[in-house]
Amino acid sequence: MFDLRTAGLLGCVELTAVKRQDQRGFFVKTVHRSFFAQHGLDCDFAEQYYSSSNAGCLRGMHFQLPPHDHAKLVFCIAGAVQDVVLDLRVGSPTYGQAAQVELSADRCNMLYIPRGFAHGFCVVSAPAVMVYNVISEYAPSHDAGILWRSVPVDWHHPDPVVSERDALFPALTDYQSPFVYNGAVLS
């Protein structure tokens, strides 16, 4: 159903879906409750939304604070992005580390991001349309982020287009994380 592999950070996994294609086009399944449960992935999604981003755009590094924190399943249905996650769970063996995966419509791959991670992406091929499934509803008062350029990765664009909000987030070194690693492989 899905090819599942670690994304390099404890609890974060890349899933590649089977793409069924014929003369009509193609079909891709993005969620299967039994498969997700078998692998410890929460798929009780409360919201789904999508964004369209232009060339040179970087969105991130976003998350919600407890008690409105959430796991996410993200994928790209048009174009391609450099998707980046950052482990903010104090006590985690991968705390403060980042990982990146190229998500693209052609590859039909997705990233499952557990609670306690910051998430962002930079457009590789535009326009890039990203779909987000989250297990808690958006709470503006609990919206937070980390300054993208303080995350230890080489971004696709050295001088990307970012929102004013994203440009004002604190650097990783200045951030006091409220997230605590609970010892579980996935959350």
N, C-alpha and C. Protein backbone atom coordinates (compact mmCIF):
# COMPACT_ATOMS: atom_id res chain seq x y z
N MET A 1 0.82 -1.19 0.00
CA MET A 1 0.00 0.00 0.00
C MET A 1 0.86 1.26 0.00
N PHE A 2 1.82 1.35 0.96
CA PHE A 2 2.78 2.45 1.03
C PHE A 2 4.16 1.86 1.30
N ASP A 3 5.15 2.47 0.70
CA ASP A 3 6.53 2.17 1.07
C ASP A 3 6.86 3.16 2.18
N LEU A 4 7.29 2.65 3.33
CA LEU A 4 7.55 3.49 4.50
C LEU A 4 9.03 3.42 4.84
N ARG A 5 9.64 4.59 5.04
CA ARG A 5 11.05 4.63 5.46
C ARG A 5 11.26 5.81 6.39
N THR A 6 12.26 5.71 7.25
CA THR A 6 12.54 6.80 8.17
C THR A 6 12.99 8.04 7.39
N ALA A 7 12.64 9.19 7.92
CA ALA A 7 13.05 10.45 7.30
C ALA A 7 14.30 11.00 7.98
N GLY A 8 14.91 10.21 8.86
CA GLY A 8 16.16 10.61 9.48
C GLY A 8 16.03 11.16 10.89
N LEU A 9 14.81 11.43 11.34
CA LEU A 9 14.58 11.91 12.70
C LEU A 9 13.60 10.97 13.37
N LEU A 10 13.82 10.69 14.63
CA LEU A 10 13.01 9.75 15.38
C LEU A 10 11.53 10.10 15.31
N GLY A 11 10.73 9.19 14.74
CA GLY A 11 9.28 9.38 14.65
C GLY A 11 8.78 9.99 13.36
N CYS A 12 9.66 10.53 12.56
CA CYS A 12 9.28 11.18 11.30
C CYS A 12 9.52 10.18 10.16
N VAL A 13 8.48 9.91 9.36
CA VAL A 13 8.62 8.92 8.30
C VAL A 13 8.14 9.46 6.95
N GLU A 14 8.80 8.97 5.91
CA GLU A 14 8.37 9.26 4.54
C GLU A 14 7.58 8.06 4.05
N LEU A 15 6.43 8.34 3.47
CA LEU A 15 5.60 7.30 2.87
C LEU A 15 5.52 7.57 1.38
N THR A 16 5.68 6.54 0.59
CA THR A 16 5.50 6.67 -0.85
C THR A 16 4.31 5.81 -1.23
N ALA A 17 3.34 6.45 -1.85
CA ALA A 17 2.10 5.78 -2.21
C ALA A 17 2.23 5.05 -3.54
N VAL A 18 1.38 4.06 -3.72
CA VAL A 18 1.29 3.37 -5.00
C VAL A 18 0.51 4.27 -5.94
N LYS A 19 1.05 4.49 -7.13
CA LYS A 19 0.39 5.31 -8.15
C LYS A 19 -0.22 4.39 -9.19
N ARG A 20 -1.54 4.34 -9.22
CA ARG A 20 -2.24 3.50 -10.20
C ARG A 20 -2.56 4.36 -11.41
N GLN A 21 -2.02 3.97 -12.56
CA GLN A 21 -2.11 4.80 -13.75
C GLN A 21 -2.62 3.99 -14.94
N ASP A 22 -3.48 4.64 -15.73
CA ASP A 22 -3.95 4.05 -16.98
C ASP A 22 -4.22 5.18 -17.97
N GLN A 23 -4.96 4.87 -19.06
CA GLN A 23 -5.20 5.86 -20.10
C GLN A 23 -6.00 7.07 -19.61
N ARG A 24 -6.70 6.94 -18.49
CA ARG A 24 -7.50 8.04 -17.93
C ARG A 24 -6.67 9.02 -17.14
N GLY A 25 -5.54 8.57 -16.60
CA GLY A 25 -4.73 9.38 -15.70
C GLY A 25 -4.21 8.51 -14.58
N PHE A 26 -4.26 9.01 -13.35
CA PHE A 26 -3.75 8.21 -12.24
C PHE A 26 -4.60 8.42 -10.98
N PHE A 27 -4.38 7.51 -10.02
CA PHE A 27 -5.10 7.50 -8.75
C PHE A 27 -4.09 7.20 -7.66
N VAL A 28 -4.13 7.97 -6.55
CA VAL A 28 -3.22 7.79 -5.43
C VAL A 28 -3.99 7.82 -4.13
N LYS A 29 -3.81 6.81 -3.28
CA LYS A 29 -4.40 6.79 -1.94
C LYS A 29 -3.41 7.45 -1.00
N THR A 30 -3.88 8.41 -0.17
CA THR A 30 -2.98 9.13 0.73
C THR A 30 -3.11 8.70 2.19
N VAL A 31 -4.22 8.11 2.57
CA VAL A 31 -4.42 7.68 3.96
C VAL A 31 -5.14 6.35 3.96
N HIS A 32 -4.69 5.44 4.83
CA HIS A 32 -5.36 4.17 5.05
C HIS A 32 -5.27 3.89 6.54
N ARG A 33 -6.39 4.01 7.24
CA ARG A 33 -6.41 3.94 8.70
C ARG A 33 -5.69 2.71 9.25
N SER A 34 -5.95 1.52 8.71
CA SER A 34 -5.34 0.29 9.24
C SER A 34 -3.82 0.31 9.08
N PHE A 35 -3.34 0.72 7.91
CA PHE A 35 -1.89 0.79 7.68
C PHE A 35 -1.25 1.79 8.64
N PHE A 36 -1.87 2.95 8.77
CA PHE A 36 -1.32 3.97 9.67
C PHE A 36 -1.29 3.45 11.11
N ALA A 37 -2.37 2.84 11.57
CA ALA A 37 -2.42 2.33 12.94
C ALA A 37 -1.36 1.25 13.16
N GLN A 38 -1.18 0.38 12.18
CA GLN A 38 -0.18 -0.69 12.28
C GLN A 38 1.22 -0.12 12.48
N HIS A 39 1.47 1.07 11.97
CA HIS A 39 2.79 1.69 12.06
C HIS A 39 2.85 2.82 13.09
N GLY A 40 1.82 2.94 13.93
CA GLY A 40 1.83 3.92 15.01
C GLY A 40 1.62 5.35 14.55
N LEU A 41 0.99 5.54 13.39
CA LEU A 41 0.76 6.88 12.85
C LEU A 41 -0.68 7.30 13.11
N ASP A 42 -0.86 8.41 13.80
CA ASP A 42 -2.19 8.93 14.09
C ASP A 42 -2.76 9.55 12.82
N CYS A 43 -3.93 9.10 12.41
CA CYS A 43 -4.57 9.68 11.21
C CYS A 43 -5.98 10.16 11.52
N ASP A 44 -6.21 10.51 12.78
CA ASP A 44 -7.50 11.08 13.17
C ASP A 44 -7.44 12.58 12.90
N PHE A 45 -7.47 12.93 11.62
CA PHE A 45 -7.25 14.31 11.21
C PHE A 45 -8.45 15.20 11.51
N ALA A 46 -8.17 16.38 12.08
CA ALA A 46 -9.19 17.36 12.43
C ALA A 46 -9.36 18.41 11.34
N GLU A 47 -8.29 18.66 10.58
CA GLU A 47 -8.35 19.66 9.51
C GLU A 47 -7.48 19.21 8.34
N GLN A 48 -7.87 19.71 7.17
CA GLN A 48 -7.06 19.54 5.97
C GLN A 48 -7.06 20.87 5.24
N TYR A 49 -5.90 21.28 4.76
CA TYR A 49 -5.82 22.52 3.99
C TYR A 49 -4.70 22.38 2.97
N TYR A 50 -4.62 23.36 2.06
CA TYR A 50 -3.55 23.33 1.08
C TYR A 50 -3.06 24.73 0.80
N SER A 51 -1.84 24.81 0.27
CA SER A 51 -1.25 26.10 -0.11
C SER A 51 -0.67 25.96 -1.51
N SER A 52 -0.63 27.08 -2.22
CA SER A 52 0.04 27.15 -3.51
C SER A 52 1.15 28.18 -3.37
N SER A 53 2.36 27.80 -3.78
CA SER A 53 3.52 28.67 -3.58
C SER A 53 4.27 28.87 -4.88
N ASN A 54 4.75 30.09 -5.05
CA ASN A 54 5.49 30.48 -6.25
C ASN A 54 6.96 30.11 -6.16
N ALA A 55 7.65 30.23 -7.28
CA ALA A 55 9.09 29.97 -7.33
C ALA A 55 9.81 30.87 -6.33
N GLY A 56 10.79 30.32 -5.64
CA GLY A 56 11.58 31.09 -4.69
C GLY A 56 10.95 31.27 -3.32
N CYS A 57 9.78 30.69 -3.11
CA CYS A 57 9.05 30.84 -1.84
C CYS A 57 9.56 29.84 -0.81
N LEU A 58 9.65 30.31 0.43
CA LEU A 58 9.93 29.44 1.57
C LEU A 58 8.88 29.71 2.63
N ARG A 59 8.23 28.67 3.10
CA ARG A 59 7.24 28.77 4.17
C ARG A 59 7.76 27.97 5.37
N GLY A 60 7.83 28.61 6.53
CA GLY A 60 8.25 27.87 7.71
C GLY A 60 9.16 28.67 8.59
N MET A 61 9.52 28.08 9.64
CA MET A 61 9.34 26.74 10.17
C MET A 61 8.22 26.80 11.21
N HIS A 62 7.08 26.22 10.92
CA HIS A 62 5.86 26.39 11.71
C HIS A 62 5.53 25.19 12.60
N PHE A 63 4.80 25.48 13.68
CA PHE A 63 4.23 24.47 14.57
C PHE A 63 3.21 25.15 15.47
N GLN A 64 2.44 24.35 16.18
CA GLN A 64 1.51 24.86 17.19
C GLN A 64 1.97 24.39 18.55
N LEU A 65 1.81 25.26 19.53
CA LEU A 65 2.21 24.96 20.91
C LEU A 65 1.17 24.10 21.60
N PRO A 66 1.60 23.31 22.60
CA PRO A 66 0.64 22.54 23.40
C PRO A 66 -0.35 23.48 24.08
N PRO A 67 -1.56 23.12 24.27
CA PRO A 67 -2.14 21.80 24.03
C PRO A 67 -2.71 21.64 22.62
N HIS A 68 -2.41 22.54 21.72
CA HIS A 68 -2.94 22.48 20.36
C HIS A 68 -1.90 21.96 19.36
N ASP A 69 -0.82 21.36 19.85
CA ASP A 69 0.20 20.81 18.97
C ASP A 69 -0.41 19.66 18.17
N HIS A 70 0.21 19.35 17.06
CA HIS A 70 -0.36 18.30 16.22
C HIS A 70 0.68 17.56 15.40
N ALA A 71 0.33 16.32 15.08
CA ALA A 71 1.05 15.57 14.07
C ALA A 71 0.47 15.99 12.72
N LYS A 72 1.28 15.87 11.67
CA LYS A 72 0.85 16.27 10.32
C LYS A 72 1.21 15.19 9.32
N LEU A 73 0.42 15.13 8.27
CA LEU A 73 0.77 14.36 7.08
C LEU A 73 0.74 15.37 5.94
N VAL A 74 1.89 15.59 5.29
CA VAL A 74 1.98 16.59 4.23
C VAL A 74 2.43 15.93 2.93
N PHE A 75 1.91 16.47 1.81
CA PHE A 75 2.35 15.98 0.51
C PHE A 75 2.12 17.05 -0.55
N CYS A 76 2.82 16.90 -1.66
CA CYS A 76 2.81 17.88 -2.74
C CYS A 76 2.02 17.31 -3.92
N ILE A 77 0.97 18.03 -4.36
CA ILE A 77 0.15 17.52 -5.47
C ILE A 77 0.43 18.23 -6.79
N ALA A 78 1.29 19.25 -6.76
CA ALA A 78 1.75 19.92 -7.98
C ALA A 78 3.13 20.49 -7.69
N GLY A 79 4.05 20.32 -8.63
CA GLY A 79 5.40 20.82 -8.44
C GLY A 79 6.20 19.96 -7.49
N ALA A 80 7.18 20.60 -6.84
CA ALA A 80 8.06 19.89 -5.90
C ALA A 80 8.58 20.87 -4.86
N VAL A 81 8.84 20.35 -3.66
CA VAL A 81 9.37 21.18 -2.58
C VAL A 81 10.50 20.45 -1.86
N GLN A 82 11.38 21.24 -1.27
CA GLN A 82 12.35 20.75 -0.31
C GLN A 82 11.64 20.86 1.03
N ASP A 83 11.18 19.76 1.56
CA ASP A 83 10.42 19.76 2.81
C ASP A 83 11.40 19.53 3.96
N VAL A 84 11.28 20.35 5.01
CA VAL A 84 12.23 20.32 6.12
C VAL A 84 11.48 20.18 7.43
N VAL A 85 11.98 19.32 8.31
CA VAL A 85 11.43 19.15 9.65
C VAL A 85 12.56 19.33 10.66
N LEU A 86 12.18 19.81 11.85
CA LEU A 86 13.13 20.08 12.92
C LEU A 86 12.57 19.52 14.22
N ASP A 87 13.33 18.66 14.89
CA ASP A 87 12.89 18.05 16.13
C ASP A 87 13.07 19.03 17.28
N LEU A 88 11.96 19.42 17.92
CA LEU A 88 11.98 20.36 19.05
C LEU A 88 11.67 19.68 20.38
N ARG A 89 11.69 18.35 20.41
CA ARG A 89 11.32 17.61 21.62
C ARG A 89 12.53 17.45 22.55
N VAL A 90 12.52 18.20 23.64
CA VAL A 90 13.60 18.15 24.61
C VAL A 90 13.73 16.71 25.12
N GLY A 91 14.95 16.20 25.12
CA GLY A 91 15.20 14.82 25.55
C GLY A 91 15.21 13.82 24.42
N SER A 92 14.79 14.22 23.23
CA SER A 92 14.81 13.31 22.08
C SER A 92 16.25 13.10 21.62
N PRO A 93 16.60 11.89 21.21
CA PRO A 93 17.94 11.64 20.66
C PRO A 93 18.24 12.49 19.43
N THR A 94 17.20 13.01 18.76
CA THR A 94 17.41 13.84 17.57
C THR A 94 17.02 15.31 17.81
N TYR A 95 16.93 15.71 19.09
CA TYR A 95 16.57 17.10 19.43
C TYR A 95 17.52 18.09 18.73
N GLY A 96 16.93 19.12 18.12
CA GLY A 96 17.70 20.17 17.46
C GLY A 96 18.21 19.80 16.08
N GLN A 97 17.94 18.57 15.65
CA GLN A 97 18.39 18.14 14.33
C GLN A 97 17.28 18.34 13.31
N ALA A 98 17.69 18.56 12.08
CA ALA A 98 16.75 18.75 10.97
C ALA A 98 16.95 17.64 9.95
N ALA A 99 15.90 17.39 9.19
CA ALA A 99 15.95 16.44 8.08
C ALA A 99 15.18 17.05 6.93
N GLN A 100 15.51 16.62 5.73
CA GLN A 100 14.81 17.14 4.56
C GLN A 100 14.51 16.00 3.58
N VAL A 101 13.37 16.17 2.91
CA VAL A 101 12.91 15.21 1.92
C VAL A 101 12.34 16.02 0.77
N GLU A 102 12.66 15.64 -0.46
CA GLU A 102 11.99 16.30 -1.58
C GLU A 102 10.64 15.63 -1.79
N LEU A 103 9.59 16.41 -1.64
CA LEU A 103 8.23 15.93 -1.90
C LEU A 103 7.82 16.43 -3.26
N SER A 104 7.22 15.55 -4.06
CA SER A 104 6.80 15.98 -5.39
C SER A 104 5.55 15.23 -5.84
N ALA A 105 4.83 15.87 -6.72
CA ALA A 105 3.64 15.25 -7.30
C ALA A 105 4.03 14.00 -8.08
N ASP A 106 5.16 14.02 -8.77
CA ASP A 106 5.60 12.88 -9.57
C ASP A 106 5.94 11.66 -8.70
N ARG A 107 6.55 11.89 -7.56
CA ARG A 107 6.98 10.78 -6.70
C ARG A 107 5.85 10.22 -5.85
N CYS A 108 4.78 10.98 -5.64
CA CYS A 108 3.65 10.54 -4.79
C CYS A 108 4.12 10.18 -3.39
N ASN A 109 5.04 10.97 -2.85
CA ASN A 109 5.52 10.70 -1.50
C ASN A 109 4.95 11.72 -0.52
N MET A 110 4.94 11.32 0.74
CA MET A 110 4.37 12.13 1.80
C MET A 110 5.30 12.09 2.99
N LEU A 111 5.13 13.04 3.90
CA LEU A 111 5.91 13.06 5.12
C LEU A 111 4.97 13.10 6.32
N TYR A 112 5.16 12.13 7.23
CA TYR A 112 4.41 12.11 8.48
C TYR A 112 5.30 12.77 9.52
N ILE A 113 4.77 13.84 10.15
CA ILE A 113 5.54 14.64 11.09
C ILE A 113 4.87 14.55 12.46
N PRO A 114 5.56 13.98 13.46
CA PRO A 114 4.95 13.84 14.78
C PRO A 114 4.83 15.19 15.51
N ARG A 115 4.10 15.17 16.61
CA ARG A 115 4.01 16.34 17.49
C ARG A 115 5.42 16.73 17.93
N GLY A 116 5.63 18.03 18.14
CA GLY A 116 6.91 18.49 18.64
C GLY A 116 7.94 18.78 17.57
N PHE A 117 7.51 18.84 16.33
CA PHE A 117 8.40 19.15 15.22
C PHE A 117 7.99 20.47 14.57
N ALA A 118 8.97 21.25 14.14
CA ALA A 118 8.71 22.41 13.29
C ALA A 118 8.76 21.91 11.85
N HIS A 119 7.98 22.56 10.99
CA HIS A 119 7.88 22.13 9.59
C HIS A 119 7.94 23.33 8.67
N GLY A 120 8.62 23.16 7.55
CA GLY A 120 8.65 24.19 6.52
C GLY A 120 9.06 23.59 5.19
N PHE A 121 8.98 24.41 4.16
CA PHE A 121 9.41 23.93 2.85
C PHE A 121 9.83 25.09 1.97
N CYS A 122 10.65 24.75 0.99
CA CYS A 122 11.12 25.70 -0.02
C CYS A 122 10.76 25.12 -1.38
N VAL A 123 10.22 25.96 -2.25
CA VAL A 123 9.76 25.50 -3.56
C VAL A 123 10.95 25.14 -4.45
N VAL A 124 10.89 23.96 -5.02
CA VAL A 124 11.89 23.47 -5.96
C VAL A 124 11.38 23.63 -7.39
N SER A 125 10.10 23.31 -7.60
CA SER A 125 9.46 23.41 -8.91
C SER A 125 8.08 24.05 -8.70
N ALA A 126 7.87 25.18 -9.34
CA ALA A 126 6.64 25.96 -9.10
C ALA A 126 5.66 25.83 -10.27
N PRO A 127 4.38 26.09 -9.98
CA PRO A 127 3.86 26.33 -8.64
C PRO A 127 3.81 25.01 -7.87
N ALA A 128 4.04 25.13 -6.57
CA ALA A 128 4.00 23.95 -5.70
C ALA A 128 2.73 24.02 -4.86
N VAL A 129 1.94 22.97 -4.93
CA VAL A 129 0.71 22.89 -4.13
C VAL A 129 0.92 21.82 -3.08
N MET A 130 0.87 22.25 -1.82
CA MET A 130 1.07 21.36 -0.68
C MET A 130 -0.26 21.13 0.03
N VAL A 131 -0.52 19.87 0.40
CA VAL A 131 -1.70 19.50 1.18
C VAL A 131 -1.22 19.12 2.58
N TYR A 132 -1.95 19.61 3.59
CA TYR A 132 -1.62 19.36 4.99
C TYR A 132 -2.83 18.69 5.65
N ASN A 133 -2.61 17.60 6.35
CA ASN A 133 -3.61 16.96 7.20
C ASN A 133 -3.07 17.08 8.61
N VAL A 134 -3.86 17.64 9.55
CA VAL A 134 -3.39 17.83 10.92
C VAL A 134 -4.40 17.24 11.90
N ILE A 135 -3.89 16.77 13.04
CA ILE A 135 -4.76 16.08 13.99
C ILE A 135 -5.39 17.01 15.04
N SER A 136 -5.10 18.31 14.97
CA SER A 136 -5.78 19.27 15.84
C SER A 136 -6.17 20.49 15.01
N GLU A 137 -7.17 21.19 15.46
CA GLU A 137 -7.61 22.38 14.74
C GLU A 137 -6.64 23.53 14.97
N TYR A 138 -6.52 24.38 13.98
CA TYR A 138 -5.65 25.54 14.06
C TYR A 138 -6.09 26.46 15.19
N ALA A 139 -5.14 26.85 16.02
CA ALA A 139 -5.40 27.77 17.14
C ALA A 139 -4.43 28.94 16.99
N PRO A 140 -4.89 30.07 16.45
CA PRO A 140 -3.99 31.21 16.20
C PRO A 140 -3.17 31.63 17.41
N SER A 141 -3.73 31.54 18.61
CA SER A 141 -3.00 31.95 19.81
C SER A 141 -1.86 30.99 20.16
N HIS A 142 -1.83 29.82 19.54
CA HIS A 142 -0.79 28.82 19.81
C HIS A 142 0.13 28.61 18.60
N ASP A 143 0.01 29.49 17.62
CA ASP A 143 0.83 29.43 16.42
C ASP A 143 2.25 29.91 16.75
N ALA A 144 3.27 29.21 16.30
CA ALA A 144 4.65 29.58 16.62
C ALA A 144 5.57 29.12 15.49
N GLY A 145 6.84 29.46 15.62
CA GLY A 145 7.80 29.05 14.61
C GLY A 145 9.22 29.33 15.02
N ILE A 146 10.13 28.81 14.22
CA ILE A 146 11.57 28.98 14.35
C ILE A 146 12.06 29.66 13.07
N LEU A 147 13.00 30.59 13.21
CA LEU A 147 13.56 31.29 12.05
C LEU A 147 14.19 30.29 11.09
N TRP A 148 13.73 30.30 9.87
CA TRP A 148 14.14 29.31 8.87
C TRP A 148 15.66 29.24 8.69
N ARG A 149 16.33 30.37 8.67
CA ARG A 149 17.78 30.36 8.40
C ARG A 149 18.61 29.87 9.59
N SER A 150 17.97 29.67 10.76
CA SER A 150 18.69 29.12 11.92
C SER A 150 18.62 27.60 11.98
N VAL A 151 17.88 27.01 11.06
CA VAL A 151 17.73 25.55 11.00
C VAL A 151 18.92 24.97 10.25
N PRO A 152 19.55 23.92 10.78
CA PRO A 152 20.77 23.39 10.18
C PRO A 152 20.56 22.57 8.90
N VAL A 153 20.16 23.26 7.81
CA VAL A 153 20.04 22.63 6.49
C VAL A 153 20.52 23.61 5.43
N ASP A 154 20.88 23.09 4.28
CA ASP A 154 21.18 23.93 3.12
C ASP A 154 19.89 24.08 2.33
N TRP A 155 19.32 25.27 2.40
CA TRP A 155 18.05 25.52 1.72
C TRP A 155 18.26 25.58 0.21
N HIS A 156 17.22 25.21 -0.53
CA HIS A 156 17.25 25.20 -1.99
C HIS A 156 17.54 26.59 -2.56
N HIS A 157 16.96 27.62 -1.96
CA HIS A 157 17.21 29.01 -2.37
C HIS A 157 17.93 29.73 -1.25
N PRO A 158 19.08 30.35 -1.54
CA PRO A 158 19.81 31.05 -0.48
C PRO A 158 19.12 32.35 -0.02
N ASP A 159 18.30 32.94 -0.87
CA ASP A 159 17.61 34.18 -0.53
C ASP A 159 16.14 34.06 -0.93
N PRO A 160 15.37 33.23 -0.21
CA PRO A 160 14.00 32.96 -0.61
C PRO A 160 13.04 34.10 -0.27
N VAL A 161 11.86 34.04 -0.85
CA VAL A 161 10.77 34.94 -0.52
C VAL A 161 10.08 34.35 0.71
N VAL A 162 10.03 35.12 1.81
CA VAL A 162 9.40 34.66 3.04
C VAL A 162 8.40 35.71 3.52
N SER A 163 7.45 35.28 4.31
CA SER A 163 6.49 36.22 4.88
C SER A 163 7.16 37.03 5.99
N GLU A 164 6.56 38.17 6.31
CA GLU A 164 7.08 38.98 7.41
C GLU A 164 7.04 38.19 8.71
N ARG A 165 5.97 37.46 8.92
CA ARG A 165 5.84 36.64 10.13
C ARG A 165 6.98 35.63 10.23
N ASP A 166 7.26 34.92 9.14
CA ASP A 166 8.32 33.91 9.16
C ASP A 166 9.70 34.54 9.39
N ALA A 167 9.91 35.75 8.92
CA ALA A 167 11.19 36.44 9.08
C ALA A 167 11.42 36.89 10.52
N LEU A 168 10.36 36.96 11.33
CA LEU A 168 10.47 37.46 12.71
C LEU A 168 10.49 36.36 13.77
N PHE A 169 10.40 35.09 13.36
CA PHE A 169 10.46 34.01 14.33
C PHE A 169 11.83 34.01 15.03
N PRO A 170 11.91 33.51 16.28
CA PRO A 170 13.19 33.43 16.97
C PRO A 170 14.10 32.37 16.35
N ALA A 171 15.40 32.57 16.51
CA ALA A 171 16.38 31.59 16.06
C ALA A 171 16.29 30.34 16.94
N LEU A 172 16.67 29.21 16.39
CA LEU A 172 16.65 27.95 17.13
C LEU A 172 17.44 28.07 18.44
N THR A 173 18.60 28.72 18.41
CA THR A 173 19.44 28.84 19.60
C THR A 173 18.80 29.68 20.70
N ASP A 174 17.82 30.51 20.35
CA ASP A 174 17.15 31.38 21.32
C ASP A 174 15.81 30.82 21.78
N TYR A 175 15.41 29.66 21.29
CA TYR A 175 14.08 29.13 21.55
C TYR A 175 14.09 28.15 22.73
N GLN A 176 13.17 28.35 23.66
CA GLN A 176 12.96 27.44 24.78
C GLN A 176 11.77 26.55 24.44
N SER A 177 12.03 25.32 24.09
CA SER A 177 10.98 24.43 23.61
C SER A 177 10.09 23.91 24.75
N PRO A 178 8.76 23.92 24.53
CA PRO A 178 7.84 23.33 25.51
C PRO A 178 7.60 21.84 25.26
N PHE A 179 8.16 21.32 24.17
CA PHE A 179 7.92 19.93 23.79
C PHE A 179 8.90 19.01 24.53
N VAL A 180 8.39 17.89 25.02
CA VAL A 180 9.22 16.93 25.74
C VAL A 180 9.07 15.57 25.07
N TYR A 181 10.17 14.94 24.80
CA TYR A 181 10.17 13.60 24.21
C TYR A 181 9.64 12.61 25.22
N ASN A 182 8.70 11.77 24.80
CA ASN A 182 8.06 10.82 25.72
C ASN A 182 8.60 9.41 25.60
N GLY A 183 9.65 9.22 24.81
CA GLY A 183 10.25 7.90 24.68
C GLY A 183 9.62 7.03 23.61
N ALA A 184 8.50 7.45 23.07
CA ALA A 184 7.84 6.67 22.01
C ALA A 184 8.53 6.91 20.69
N VAL A 185 8.51 5.89 19.85
CA VAL A 185 9.12 6.04 18.52
C VAL A 185 8.29 7.00 17.69
N LEU A 186 6.99 6.86 17.71
CA LEU A 186 6.10 7.77 16.99
C LEU A 186 5.11 8.34 17.99
N SER A 187 4.58 9.55 17.67
CA SER A 187 3.58 10.13 18.54
C SER A 187 2.36 10.55 17.77
